[in-house]
Amino acid sequence: MKTVAKWEEIPDFEDEEEEANFWLEHELDAKLMAGSVHEPDSRESTTITLRFDPRMLSRIKRIARTRFLNYQSMMKQWLAERLEDEIRKQ
């Protein structure tokens, strides 16, 4: 089993089968795994104000309710996911 020590060592996969075959022969280094865990700290949190169209906010809240989530938490999750996507594109 080969150990992946850097994120850059993971190739872009054409499909899920190629990815599955890669992970059959590779594993993530424990330090890499530990370093990727983000534990939020309430001291890191900053309050901001956003203005939304009332209909948009209503739709967001409705989606959150169907997922049994707080709408603000769901929005933070969406933003975090999008931020990761943008960073990967760079």
C-alpha atoms as a PDB file:
ATOM      1  CA  MET A   1       0.000   0.000   0.000  1.00  0.00           C
ATOM      2  CA  LYS A   2       1.422   3.374  -1.035  1.00  0.00           C
ATOM      3  CA  THR A   3       0.966   6.352   1.285  1.00  0.00           C
ATOM      4  CA  VAL A   4      -0.153   9.715  -0.073  1.00  0.00           C
ATOM      5  CA  ALA A   5       1.707  12.405   1.889  1.00  0.00           C
ATOM      6  CA  LYS A   6       0.617  15.464  -0.129  1.00  0.00           C
ATOM      7  CA  TRP A   7      -2.738  16.416  -1.622  1.00  0.00           C
ATOM      8  CA  GLU A   8      -0.972  17.094  -4.927  1.00  0.00           C
ATOM      9  CA  GLU A   9      -0.172  13.376  -5.218  1.00  0.00           C
ATOM     10  CA  ILE A  10      -3.865  12.605  -5.765  1.00  0.00           C
ATOM     11  CA  PRO A  11      -4.600  12.727  -9.499  1.00  0.00           C
ATOM     12  CA  ASP A  12      -7.753  13.992 -11.183  1.00  0.00           C
ATOM     13  CA  PHE A  13      -9.877  10.953 -11.947  1.00  0.00           C
ATOM     14  CA  GLU A  14     -11.800  10.373 -15.157  1.00  0.00           C
ATOM     15  CA  ASP A  15     -14.509   8.374 -13.374  1.00  0.00           C
ATOM     16  CA  GLU A  16     -15.388   6.605 -10.126  1.00  0.00           C
ATOM     17  CA  GLU A  17     -13.872   3.306 -11.248  1.00  0.00           C
ATOM     18  CA  GLU A  18     -10.470   4.929 -11.788  1.00  0.00           C
ATOM     19  CA  GLU A  19     -10.727   6.585  -8.375  1.00  0.00           C
ATOM     20  CA  ALA A  20     -11.711   3.298  -6.695  1.00  0.00           C
ATOM     21  CA  ASN A  21      -8.749   1.517  -8.287  1.00  0.00           C
ATOM     22  CA  PHE A  22      -6.397   4.260  -7.077  1.00  0.00           C
ATOM     23  CA  TRP A  23      -7.615   3.953  -3.480  1.00  0.00           C
ATOM     24  CA  LEU A  24      -7.245   0.160  -3.573  1.00  0.00           C
ATOM     25  CA  GLU A  25      -3.485   0.746  -3.764  1.00  0.00           C
ATOM     26  CA  HIS A  26      -3.132   4.017  -1.830  1.00  0.00           C
ATOM     27  CA  GLU A  27      -3.948   5.430   1.592  1.00  0.00           C
ATOM     28  CA  LEU A  28      -3.739   8.899   3.102  1.00  0.00           C
ATOM     29  CA  ASP A  29      -0.923   9.674   5.510  1.00  0.00           C
ATOM     30  CA  ALA A  30      -2.224  10.136   9.076  1.00  0.00           C
ATOM     31  CA  LYS A  31      -0.641  13.611   9.304  1.00  0.00           C
ATOM     32  CA  LEU A  32      -2.419  14.649   6.118  1.00  0.00           C
ATOM     33  CA  MET A  33      -5.721  13.409   7.498  1.00  0.00           C
ATOM     34  CA  ALA A  34      -5.212  15.170  10.843  1.00  0.00           C
ATOM     35  CA  GLY A  35      -4.240  18.408   9.148  1.00  0.00           C
ATOM     36  CA  SER A  36      -7.398  18.448   7.041  1.00  0.00           C
ATOM     37  CA  VAL A  37      -9.788  18.435   9.997  1.00  0.00           C
ATOM     38  CA  HIS A  38     -11.090  21.885  10.789  1.00  0.00           C
ATOM     39  CA  GLU A  39     -12.521  22.287  14.235  1.00  0.00           C
ATOM     40  CA  PRO A  40     -14.481  25.522  14.337  1.00  0.00           C
ATOM     41  CA  ASP A  41     -13.828  27.816  17.236  1.00  0.00           C
ATOM     42  CA  SER A  42     -16.550  30.241  18.226  1.00  0.00           C
ATOM     43  CA  ARG A  43     -13.864  32.889  18.748  1.00  0.00           C
ATOM     44  CA  GLU A  44     -13.137  32.675  15.023  1.00  0.00           C
ATOM     45  CA  SER A  45     -16.699  33.603  14.120  1.00  0.00           C
ATOM     46  CA  THR A  46     -17.555  37.055  12.783  1.00  0.00           C
ATOM     47  CA  THR A  47     -21.073  38.399  12.457  1.00  0.00           C
ATOM     48  CA  ILE A  48     -22.031  39.919   9.111  1.00  0.00           C
ATOM     49  CA  THR A  49     -25.234  41.293   7.626  1.00  0.00           C
ATOM     50  CA  LEU A  50     -26.588  40.200   4.255  1.00  0.00           C
ATOM     51  CA  ARG A  51     -29.685  41.538   2.565  1.00  0.00           C
ATOM     52  CA  PHE A  52     -31.829  38.998   0.725  1.00  0.00           C
ATOM     53  CA  ASP A  53     -34.895  39.198  -1.396  1.00  0.00           C
ATOM     54  CA  PRO A  54     -37.660  37.945   0.950  1.00  0.00           C
ATOM     55  CA  ARG A  55     -38.735  35.271  -1.531  1.00  0.00           C
ATOM     56  CA  MET A  56     -35.177  33.939  -1.808  1.00  0.00           C
ATOM     57  CA  LEU A  57     -34.798  33.798   1.967  1.00  0.00           C
ATOM     58  CA  SER A  58     -38.135  32.032   2.248  1.00  0.00           C
ATOM     59  CA  ARG A  59     -36.988  29.403  -0.274  1.00  0.00           C
ATOM     60  CA  ILE A  60     -33.701  28.927   1.610  1.00  0.00           C
ATOM     61  CA  LYS A  61     -35.551  28.446   4.896  1.00  0.00           C
ATOM     62  CA  ARG A  62     -37.926  25.959   3.270  1.00  0.00           C
ATOM     63  CA  ILE A  63     -35.012  23.892   1.942  1.00  0.00           C
ATOM     64  CA  ALA A  64     -33.346  23.976   5.360  1.00  0.00           C
ATOM     65  CA  ARG A  65     -36.529  22.767   7.069  1.00  0.00           C
ATOM     66  CA  THR A  66     -36.802  19.795   4.710  1.00  0.00           C
ATOM     67  CA  ARG A  67     -33.240  18.847   5.691  1.00  0.00           C
ATOM     68  CA  PHE A  68     -33.872  19.458   9.410  1.00  0.00           C
ATOM     69  CA  LEU A  69     -31.166  22.125   9.457  1.00  0.00           C
ATOM     70  CA  ASN A  70     -30.913  25.659  10.737  1.00  0.00           C
ATOM     71  CA  TYR A  71     -31.013  27.833   7.610  1.00  0.00           C
ATOM     72  CA  GLN A  72     -27.975  29.858   8.679  1.00  0.00           C
ATOM     73  CA  SER A  73     -25.916  26.710   9.243  1.00  0.00           C
ATOM     74  CA  MET A  74     -26.999  25.369   5.872  1.00  0.00           C
ATOM     75  CA  MET A  75     -25.961  28.622   4.175  1.00  0.00           C
ATOM     76  CA  LYS A  76     -22.544  28.491   5.868  1.00  0.00           C
ATOM     77  CA  GLN A  77     -22.163  24.910   4.649  1.00  0.00           C
ATOM     78  CA  TRP A  78     -23.064  25.967   1.105  1.00  0.00           C
ATOM     79  CA  LEU A  79     -20.561  28.813   1.211  1.00  0.00           C
ATOM     80  CA  ALA A  80     -17.825  26.550   2.585  1.00  0.00           C
ATOM     81  CA  GLU A  81     -18.452  23.997  -0.192  1.00  0.00           C
ATOM     82  CA  ARG A  82     -18.379  26.683  -2.871  1.00  0.00           C
ATOM     83  CA  LEU A  83     -15.206  28.178  -1.418  1.00  0.00           C
ATOM     84  CA  GLU A  84     -13.502  24.778  -1.614  1.00  0.00           C
ATOM     85  CA  ASP A  85     -14.622  24.424  -5.252  1.00  0.00           C
ATOM     86  CA  GLU A  86     -13.211  27.843  -6.108  1.00  0.00           C
ATOM     87  CA  ILE A  87      -9.902  27.090  -4.387  1.00  0.00           C
ATOM     88  CA  ARG A  88      -9.577  23.785  -6.301  1.00  0.00           C
ATOM     89  CA  LYS A  89     -10.084  25.631  -9.616  1.00  0.00           C
ATOM     90  CA  GLN A  90      -7.064  27.902  -8.994  1.00  0.00           C
END
